[in-house]
Amino acid sequence: MRKKRKFIEGAFYHVTSRTNDKIKVFENKLGRKNMLMVLQEAKDKFQFELANFCIMPTHIHLLIKPAEGTNLSAIMHWIKVFSAKRWNNINGSSDHMWGQRFYARIISDTQEFDGVMEYIDQNPVKAGHVEKPEDWQASGAYFRAQKLTDFISCSW
């Protein structure tokens, strides 16, 4: 039996979700662009803050705070369903794009928040995709460097 998720109203969460069998869905710019579009549509549909994010070839990281009365599971369900539909339409398939359930960890204090921000920023650097976090265009580090603050925001 699955462990019931713990949610706290007004909390930030570090959310990760991996593709099925670690398929490199977001390896190319088209895959990452489609995921960015889905995230933007999710922001338009649901109320949440996206403090940071990173779209890696086989997984995503989100630092997200659902608005009061907004359900994190509903947001993630929508993101996963619509990104899979897009991916399947592009590839002419009906495969499962996402693996298991998303993982969500509640951020409890400023030190943990700062650590998660840094962890997400450094993900493409540690994987050897770029030398500096702001060079990875599918990330919050890039958006902050480009001053694209309409997509990412933080009230921490």
N, C-alpha and C. Protein backbone atom coordinates (compact mmCIF):
# COMPACT_ATOMS: atom_id res chain seq x y z
N MET A 1 0.84 -1.18 0.00
CA MET A 1 0.00 0.00 0.00
C MET A 1 0.89 1.24 0.00
N ARG A 2 0.49 2.23 -0.77
CA ARG A 2 1.25 3.47 -0.86
C ARG A 2 1.18 4.26 0.44
N LYS A 3 2.27 4.93 0.72
CA LYS A 3 2.30 5.82 1.88
C LYS A 3 1.57 7.10 1.50
N LYS A 4 0.67 7.54 2.37
CA LYS A 4 -0.09 8.77 2.10
C LYS A 4 0.85 9.97 2.16
N ARG A 5 0.72 10.85 1.19
CA ARG A 5 1.54 12.05 1.15
C ARG A 5 1.12 13.04 2.24
N LYS A 6 2.09 13.76 2.73
CA LYS A 6 1.83 14.79 3.74
C LYS A 6 1.91 16.15 3.05
N PHE A 7 0.87 16.93 3.18
CA PHE A 7 0.84 18.26 2.59
C PHE A 7 0.58 19.29 3.69
N ILE A 8 1.25 20.42 3.56
CA ILE A 8 1.07 21.53 4.49
C ILE A 8 0.70 22.77 3.68
N GLU A 9 -0.40 23.36 4.03
CA GLU A 9 -0.86 24.58 3.34
C GLU A 9 0.21 25.66 3.44
N GLY A 10 0.56 26.29 2.31
CA GLY A 10 1.51 27.39 2.29
C GLY A 10 2.97 26.98 2.28
N ALA A 11 3.25 25.69 2.14
CA ALA A 11 4.64 25.22 2.15
C ALA A 11 5.21 25.14 0.74
N PHE A 12 6.53 25.28 0.66
CA PHE A 12 7.25 24.97 -0.57
C PHE A 12 7.59 23.50 -0.56
N TYR A 13 7.65 22.91 -1.75
CA TYR A 13 8.00 21.51 -1.92
C TYR A 13 9.09 21.37 -2.97
N HIS A 14 10.02 20.46 -2.71
CA HIS A 14 10.97 20.06 -3.75
C HIS A 14 10.35 18.82 -4.38
N VAL A 15 9.92 18.97 -5.63
CA VAL A 15 9.24 17.90 -6.35
C VAL A 15 10.16 17.39 -7.44
N THR A 16 10.27 16.08 -7.54
CA THR A 16 11.00 15.46 -8.63
C THR A 16 10.12 14.38 -9.25
N SER A 17 10.31 14.20 -10.54
CA SER A 17 9.62 13.12 -11.24
C SER A 17 10.52 12.63 -12.36
N ARG A 18 10.62 11.32 -12.48
CA ARG A 18 11.53 10.69 -13.44
C ARG A 18 10.72 10.04 -14.56
N THR A 19 11.30 10.03 -15.74
CA THR A 19 10.64 9.39 -16.88
C THR A 19 10.67 7.87 -16.73
N ASN A 20 9.78 7.22 -17.42
CA ASN A 20 9.69 5.76 -17.39
C ASN A 20 10.97 5.15 -17.98
N ASP A 21 11.55 4.22 -17.26
CA ASP A 21 12.78 3.54 -17.69
C ASP A 21 13.90 4.52 -18.04
N LYS A 22 13.86 5.71 -17.44
CA LYS A 22 14.86 6.76 -17.67
C LYS A 22 15.02 7.10 -19.15
N ILE A 23 13.90 7.09 -19.86
CA ILE A 23 13.89 7.50 -21.26
C ILE A 23 14.29 8.97 -21.32
N LYS A 24 15.14 9.33 -22.26
CA LYS A 24 15.64 10.71 -22.36
C LYS A 24 14.66 11.58 -23.15
N VAL A 25 13.50 11.76 -22.55
CA VAL A 25 12.43 12.55 -23.16
C VAL A 25 12.84 13.99 -23.40
N PHE A 26 13.61 14.55 -22.46
CA PHE A 26 13.97 15.96 -22.51
C PHE A 26 15.43 16.16 -22.92
N GLU A 27 15.97 15.21 -23.67
CA GLU A 27 17.37 15.29 -24.09
C GLU A 27 17.60 16.41 -25.10
N ASN A 28 16.62 16.66 -25.96
CA ASN A 28 16.80 17.70 -26.97
C ASN A 28 15.98 18.95 -26.63
N LYS A 29 16.27 20.01 -27.34
CA LYS A 29 15.60 21.30 -27.06
C LYS A 29 14.10 21.22 -27.25
N LEU A 30 13.62 20.44 -28.24
CA LEU A 30 12.19 20.32 -28.47
C LEU A 30 11.50 19.70 -27.26
N GLY A 31 12.08 18.65 -26.70
CA GLY A 31 11.50 18.02 -25.51
C GLY A 31 11.45 18.96 -24.33
N ARG A 32 12.54 19.71 -24.13
CA ARG A 32 12.58 20.66 -23.01
C ARG A 32 11.61 21.82 -23.26
N LYS A 33 11.53 22.28 -24.50
CA LYS A 33 10.61 23.38 -24.82
C LYS A 33 9.16 22.96 -24.57
N ASN A 34 8.82 21.74 -24.95
CA ASN A 34 7.46 21.26 -24.71
C ASN A 34 7.16 21.20 -23.21
N MET A 35 8.13 20.76 -22.43
CA MET A 35 7.92 20.70 -20.98
C MET A 35 7.77 22.10 -20.40
N LEU A 36 8.56 23.05 -20.90
CA LEU A 36 8.42 24.44 -20.45
C LEU A 36 7.02 24.97 -20.78
N MET A 37 6.53 24.64 -21.96
CA MET A 37 5.18 25.07 -22.34
C MET A 37 4.13 24.46 -21.40
N VAL A 38 4.28 23.20 -21.06
CA VAL A 38 3.34 22.55 -20.15
C VAL A 38 3.40 23.22 -18.78
N LEU A 39 4.61 23.53 -18.30
CA LEU A 39 4.73 24.22 -17.02
C LEU A 39 4.05 25.59 -17.06
N GLN A 40 4.21 26.31 -18.16
CA GLN A 40 3.56 27.62 -18.28
C GLN A 40 2.04 27.46 -18.29
N GLU A 41 1.54 26.47 -19.01
CA GLU A 41 0.10 26.23 -19.03
C GLU A 41 -0.42 25.82 -17.65
N ALA A 42 0.39 25.04 -16.93
CA ALA A 42 0.00 24.67 -15.56
C ALA A 42 -0.08 25.91 -14.67
N LYS A 43 0.88 26.82 -14.85
CA LYS A 43 0.86 28.07 -14.08
C LYS A 43 -0.38 28.90 -14.41
N ASP A 44 -0.81 28.85 -15.67
CA ASP A 44 -2.01 29.58 -16.07
C ASP A 44 -3.28 28.93 -15.51
N LYS A 45 -3.27 27.62 -15.40
CA LYS A 45 -4.44 26.86 -14.96
C LYS A 45 -4.56 26.80 -13.44
N PHE A 46 -3.44 26.60 -12.76
CA PHE A 46 -3.41 26.46 -11.31
C PHE A 46 -2.67 27.65 -10.70
N GLN A 47 -2.92 27.87 -9.45
CA GLN A 47 -2.20 28.95 -8.76
C GLN A 47 -1.08 28.34 -7.94
N PHE A 48 0.16 28.66 -8.32
CA PHE A 48 1.32 28.22 -7.56
C PHE A 48 2.51 29.08 -7.91
N GLU A 49 3.44 29.14 -6.96
CA GLU A 49 4.71 29.81 -7.20
C GLU A 49 5.71 28.76 -7.65
N LEU A 50 6.50 29.11 -8.62
CA LEU A 50 7.59 28.25 -9.06
C LEU A 50 8.87 29.01 -8.76
N ALA A 51 9.51 28.66 -7.64
CA ALA A 51 10.71 29.36 -7.21
C ALA A 51 11.93 28.92 -8.01
N ASN A 52 11.96 27.67 -8.42
CA ASN A 52 13.08 27.15 -9.20
C ASN A 52 12.63 25.89 -9.91
N PHE A 53 13.34 25.54 -10.97
CA PHE A 53 13.04 24.32 -11.71
C PHE A 53 14.26 23.94 -12.53
N CYS A 54 14.28 22.71 -12.96
CA CYS A 54 15.31 22.24 -13.89
C CYS A 54 14.73 21.05 -14.63
N ILE A 55 14.80 21.11 -15.94
CA ILE A 55 14.33 20.02 -16.78
C ILE A 55 15.58 19.30 -17.31
N MET A 56 15.81 18.12 -16.78
CA MET A 56 16.95 17.30 -17.17
C MET A 56 16.48 16.28 -18.22
N PRO A 57 17.39 15.61 -18.91
CA PRO A 57 16.98 14.66 -19.95
C PRO A 57 16.01 13.57 -19.48
N THR A 58 16.15 13.09 -18.23
CA THR A 58 15.30 11.99 -17.75
C THR A 58 14.41 12.34 -16.57
N HIS A 59 14.46 13.58 -16.11
CA HIS A 59 13.66 13.94 -14.93
C HIS A 59 13.52 15.45 -14.82
N ILE A 60 12.62 15.85 -13.92
CA ILE A 60 12.42 17.27 -13.65
C ILE A 60 12.55 17.51 -12.15
N HIS A 61 12.95 18.72 -11.82
CA HIS A 61 12.96 19.22 -10.45
C HIS A 61 12.10 20.48 -10.42
N LEU A 62 11.25 20.60 -9.43
CA LEU A 62 10.46 21.81 -9.23
C LEU A 62 10.57 22.21 -7.77
N LEU A 63 10.72 23.49 -7.53
CA LEU A 63 10.60 24.05 -6.18
C LEU A 63 9.33 24.88 -6.24
N ILE A 64 8.27 24.34 -5.69
CA ILE A 64 6.93 24.84 -5.95
C ILE A 64 6.16 25.05 -4.66
N LYS A 65 5.34 26.10 -4.68
CA LYS A 65 4.46 26.39 -3.54
C LYS A 65 3.04 26.58 -4.07
N PRO A 66 2.18 25.57 -3.88
CA PRO A 66 0.79 25.74 -4.30
C PRO A 66 0.11 26.85 -3.51
N ALA A 67 -0.75 27.58 -4.18
CA ALA A 67 -1.52 28.63 -3.49
C ALA A 67 -2.50 27.99 -2.52
N GLU A 68 -2.99 28.77 -1.60
CA GLU A 68 -3.95 28.27 -0.62
C GLU A 68 -5.14 27.64 -1.35
N GLY A 69 -5.48 26.44 -0.94
CA GLY A 69 -6.60 25.73 -1.55
C GLY A 69 -6.26 25.01 -2.83
N THR A 70 -5.01 25.09 -3.28
CA THR A 70 -4.57 24.41 -4.50
C THR A 70 -3.83 23.13 -4.11
N ASN A 71 -4.17 22.05 -4.76
CA ASN A 71 -3.65 20.74 -4.42
C ASN A 71 -2.41 20.40 -5.26
N LEU A 72 -1.29 20.11 -4.60
CA LEU A 72 -0.06 19.77 -5.30
C LEU A 72 -0.25 18.53 -6.18
N SER A 73 -0.97 17.54 -5.69
CA SER A 73 -1.19 16.33 -6.48
C SER A 73 -1.96 16.63 -7.76
N ALA A 74 -2.93 17.52 -7.69
CA ALA A 74 -3.69 17.90 -8.88
C ALA A 74 -2.79 18.61 -9.90
N ILE A 75 -1.92 19.49 -9.40
CA ILE A 75 -0.98 20.19 -10.29
C ILE A 75 -0.07 19.18 -10.98
N MET A 76 0.53 18.29 -10.21
CA MET A 76 1.47 17.33 -10.78
C MET A 76 0.78 16.33 -11.70
N HIS A 77 -0.43 15.93 -11.35
CA HIS A 77 -1.19 15.03 -12.24
C HIS A 77 -1.39 15.69 -13.60
N TRP A 78 -1.82 16.94 -13.57
CA TRP A 78 -2.07 17.67 -14.81
C TRP A 78 -0.77 17.80 -15.62
N ILE A 79 0.32 18.19 -14.97
CA ILE A 79 1.60 18.35 -15.65
C ILE A 79 2.04 17.04 -16.30
N LYS A 80 1.94 15.96 -15.57
CA LYS A 80 2.39 14.67 -16.09
C LYS A 80 1.49 14.16 -17.23
N VAL A 81 0.19 14.31 -17.09
CA VAL A 81 -0.74 13.86 -18.14
C VAL A 81 -0.52 14.66 -19.42
N PHE A 82 -0.48 15.98 -19.32
CA PHE A 82 -0.39 16.79 -20.54
C PHE A 82 0.99 16.75 -21.18
N SER A 83 2.05 16.62 -20.39
CA SER A 83 3.37 16.48 -21.01
C SER A 83 3.48 15.13 -21.72
N ALA A 84 2.89 14.09 -21.16
CA ALA A 84 2.90 12.78 -21.81
C ALA A 84 2.09 12.80 -23.11
N LYS A 85 0.94 13.47 -23.08
CA LYS A 85 0.12 13.57 -24.31
C LYS A 85 0.91 14.28 -25.41
N ARG A 86 1.56 15.38 -25.06
CA ARG A 86 2.36 16.11 -26.05
C ARG A 86 3.48 15.24 -26.60
N TRP A 87 4.21 14.58 -25.70
CA TRP A 87 5.33 13.75 -26.09
C TRP A 87 4.85 12.62 -27.01
N ASN A 88 3.74 11.99 -26.66
CA ASN A 88 3.20 10.91 -27.49
C ASN A 88 2.72 11.42 -28.84
N ASN A 89 2.11 12.62 -28.87
CA ASN A 89 1.69 13.19 -30.15
C ASN A 89 2.88 13.47 -31.06
N ILE A 90 3.93 14.02 -30.50
CA ILE A 90 5.13 14.34 -31.28
C ILE A 90 5.78 13.07 -31.81
N ASN A 91 5.81 12.03 -30.98
CA ASN A 91 6.50 10.80 -31.34
C ASN A 91 5.60 9.73 -31.95
N GLY A 92 4.31 10.03 -32.08
CA GLY A 92 3.38 9.08 -32.67
C GLY A 92 3.31 7.78 -31.87
N SER A 93 3.33 7.91 -30.55
CA SER A 93 3.31 6.71 -29.71
C SER A 93 2.22 6.81 -28.67
N SER A 94 2.08 5.76 -27.90
CA SER A 94 1.14 5.77 -26.78
C SER A 94 1.82 5.19 -25.54
N ASP A 95 3.13 5.33 -25.49
CA ASP A 95 3.92 4.79 -24.38
C ASP A 95 3.70 5.59 -23.10
N HIS A 96 4.08 4.95 -22.00
CA HIS A 96 4.10 5.65 -20.72
C HIS A 96 5.36 6.51 -20.68
N MET A 97 5.18 7.79 -20.49
CA MET A 97 6.33 8.68 -20.47
C MET A 97 6.93 8.79 -19.07
N TRP A 98 6.08 8.86 -18.06
CA TRP A 98 6.54 9.04 -16.69
C TRP A 98 6.62 7.72 -15.97
N GLY A 99 7.57 7.62 -15.08
CA GLY A 99 7.74 6.42 -14.27
C GLY A 99 6.79 6.45 -13.09
N GLN A 100 7.31 6.20 -11.92
CA GLN A 100 6.51 6.11 -10.71
C GLN A 100 5.95 7.47 -10.31
N ARG A 101 5.27 7.47 -9.18
CA ARG A 101 4.70 8.71 -8.63
C ARG A 101 5.79 9.77 -8.47
N PHE A 102 5.37 11.01 -8.46
CA PHE A 102 6.33 12.08 -8.19
C PHE A 102 6.73 12.04 -6.72
N TYR A 103 7.91 12.53 -6.45
CA TYR A 103 8.42 12.63 -5.08
C TYR A 103 8.31 14.08 -4.65
N ALA A 104 7.81 14.31 -3.45
CA ALA A 104 7.68 15.67 -2.94
C ALA A 104 8.17 15.72 -1.50
N ARG A 105 9.05 16.68 -1.23
CA ARG A 105 9.58 16.87 0.12
C ARG A 105 9.27 18.28 0.57
N ILE A 106 8.72 18.41 1.74
CA ILE A 106 8.38 19.72 2.29
C ILE A 106 9.66 20.43 2.70
N ILE A 107 9.76 21.70 2.33
CA ILE A 107 10.89 22.54 2.71
C ILE A 107 10.53 23.23 4.01
N SER A 108 11.33 22.99 5.05
CA SER A 108 10.94 23.43 6.38
C SER A 108 11.56 24.74 6.84
N ASP A 109 12.70 25.14 6.27
CA ASP A 109 13.31 26.38 6.74
C ASP A 109 14.17 27.01 5.64
N THR A 110 14.70 28.20 5.93
CA THR A 110 15.48 28.95 4.94
C THR A 110 16.73 28.21 4.51
N GLN A 111 17.40 27.57 5.43
CA GLN A 111 18.62 26.84 5.10
C GLN A 111 18.32 25.70 4.12
N GLU A 112 17.24 24.98 4.38
CA GLU A 112 16.85 23.89 3.47
C GLU A 112 16.42 24.45 2.12
N PHE A 113 15.69 25.56 2.13
CA PHE A 113 15.27 26.21 0.89
C PHE A 113 16.49 26.58 0.04
N ASP A 114 17.47 27.23 0.67
CA ASP A 114 18.68 27.63 -0.05
C ASP A 114 19.43 26.42 -0.59
N GLY A 115 19.49 25.35 0.19
CA GLY A 115 20.15 24.12 -0.25
C GLY A 115 19.48 23.49 -1.45
N VAL A 116 18.15 23.48 -1.46
CA VAL A 116 17.40 22.92 -2.59
C VAL A 116 17.56 23.81 -3.82
N MET A 117 17.55 25.13 -3.63
CA MET A 117 17.78 26.04 -4.76
C MET A 117 19.12 25.71 -5.42
N GLU A 118 20.16 25.59 -4.60
CA GLU A 118 21.51 25.30 -5.10
C GLU A 118 21.56 23.91 -5.75
N TYR A 119 20.94 22.93 -5.14
CA TYR A 119 20.92 21.57 -5.69
C TYR A 119 20.28 21.55 -7.08
N ILE A 120 19.14 22.22 -7.21
CA ILE A 120 18.45 22.26 -8.50
C ILE A 120 19.32 23.00 -9.52
N ASP A 121 19.90 24.14 -9.13
CA ASP A 121 20.75 24.90 -10.05
C ASP A 121 21.94 24.09 -10.52
N GLN A 122 22.54 23.31 -9.64
CA GLN A 122 23.76 22.58 -9.97
C GLN A 122 23.51 21.27 -10.72
N ASN A 123 22.27 20.84 -10.83
CA ASN A 123 21.97 19.56 -11.47
C ASN A 123 22.55 19.41 -12.87
N PRO A 124 22.35 20.36 -13.78
CA PRO A 124 22.93 20.19 -15.13
C PRO A 124 24.45 20.32 -15.15
N VAL A 125 25.02 21.03 -14.18
CA VAL A 125 26.48 21.15 -14.08
C VAL A 125 27.07 19.81 -13.65
N LYS A 126 26.50 19.23 -12.60
CA LYS A 126 26.98 17.93 -12.10
C LYS A 126 26.84 16.83 -13.14
N ALA A 127 25.82 16.94 -13.99
CA ALA A 127 25.60 15.93 -15.03
C ALA A 127 26.51 16.16 -16.24
N GLY A 128 27.24 17.28 -16.24
CA GLY A 128 28.18 17.55 -17.33
C GLY A 128 27.56 18.18 -18.58
N HIS A 129 26.35 18.70 -18.45
CA HIS A 129 25.68 19.32 -19.60
C HIS A 129 26.17 20.74 -19.87
N VAL A 130 26.53 21.46 -18.81
CA VAL A 130 26.99 22.84 -18.92
C VAL A 130 28.06 23.10 -17.86
N GLU A 131 28.78 24.20 -18.02
CA GLU A 131 29.79 24.57 -17.01
C GLU A 131 29.21 25.43 -15.91
N LYS A 132 28.21 26.25 -16.25
CA LYS A 132 27.57 27.14 -15.28
C LYS A 132 26.06 26.90 -15.30
N PRO A 133 25.41 26.94 -14.13
CA PRO A 133 23.97 26.69 -14.07
C PRO A 133 23.15 27.57 -15.02
N GLU A 134 23.54 28.83 -15.14
CA GLU A 134 22.75 29.75 -15.98
C GLU A 134 22.87 29.46 -17.47
N ASP A 135 23.75 28.53 -17.86
CA ASP A 135 23.87 28.14 -19.27
C ASP A 135 22.83 27.10 -19.67
N TRP A 136 22.19 26.45 -18.70
CA TRP A 136 21.17 25.43 -19.00
C TRP A 136 19.84 26.14 -19.18
N GLN A 137 19.37 26.23 -20.43
CA GLN A 137 18.21 27.07 -20.74
C GLN A 137 16.89 26.57 -20.18
N ALA A 138 16.84 25.32 -19.77
CA ALA A 138 15.61 24.77 -19.20
C ALA A 138 15.74 24.73 -17.67
N SER A 139 16.07 25.89 -17.10
CA SER A 139 16.28 25.94 -15.65
C SER A 139 15.95 27.32 -15.09
N GLY A 140 15.67 27.32 -13.80
CA GLY A 140 15.43 28.58 -13.10
C GLY A 140 16.67 29.47 -13.09
N ALA A 141 17.86 28.87 -13.04
CA ALA A 141 19.10 29.64 -13.04
C ALA A 141 19.21 30.47 -14.33
N TYR A 142 18.86 29.87 -15.44
CA TYR A 142 18.87 30.58 -16.72
C TYR A 142 17.83 31.71 -16.71
N PHE A 143 16.63 31.39 -16.25
CA PHE A 143 15.56 32.39 -16.22
C PHE A 143 15.91 33.56 -15.31
N ARG A 144 16.54 33.29 -14.17
CA ARG A 144 16.96 34.37 -13.28
C ARG A 144 18.05 35.21 -13.93
N ALA A 145 19.01 34.56 -14.59
CA ALA A 145 20.11 35.28 -15.25
C ALA A 145 19.57 36.17 -16.37
N GLN A 146 18.53 35.71 -17.05
CA GLN A 146 17.92 36.46 -18.15
C GLN A 146 16.84 37.43 -17.65
N LYS A 147 16.62 37.45 -16.33
CA LYS A 147 15.60 38.30 -15.70
C LYS A 147 14.19 38.01 -16.22
N LEU A 148 13.91 36.74 -16.45
CA LEU A 148 12.59 36.29 -16.90
C LEU A 148 11.78 35.90 -15.68
N THR A 149 11.48 36.89 -14.85
CA THR A 149 10.86 36.63 -13.56
C THR A 149 9.34 36.49 -13.63
N ASP A 150 8.76 36.54 -14.82
CA ASP A 150 7.32 36.28 -14.92
C ASP A 150 7.04 34.79 -14.84
N PHE A 151 8.03 33.95 -15.13
CA PHE A 151 7.87 32.50 -15.09
C PHE A 151 8.21 31.95 -13.71
N ILE A 152 9.28 32.46 -13.11
CA ILE A 152 9.65 32.01 -11.79
C ILE A 152 9.46 33.16 -10.80
N SER A 153 9.09 32.81 -9.58
CA SER A 153 8.89 33.82 -8.55
C SER A 153 9.02 33.15 -7.19
N CYS A 154 9.29 33.95 -6.20
CA CYS A 154 9.49 33.37 -4.87
C CYS A 154 9.11 34.36 -3.79
N SER A 155 8.28 33.89 -2.87
CA SER A 155 7.88 34.74 -1.74
C SER A 155 8.50 34.26 -0.43
N TRP A 156 9.55 33.42 -0.52
CA TRP A 156 10.15 32.86 0.69
C TRP A 156 10.64 33.98 1.59
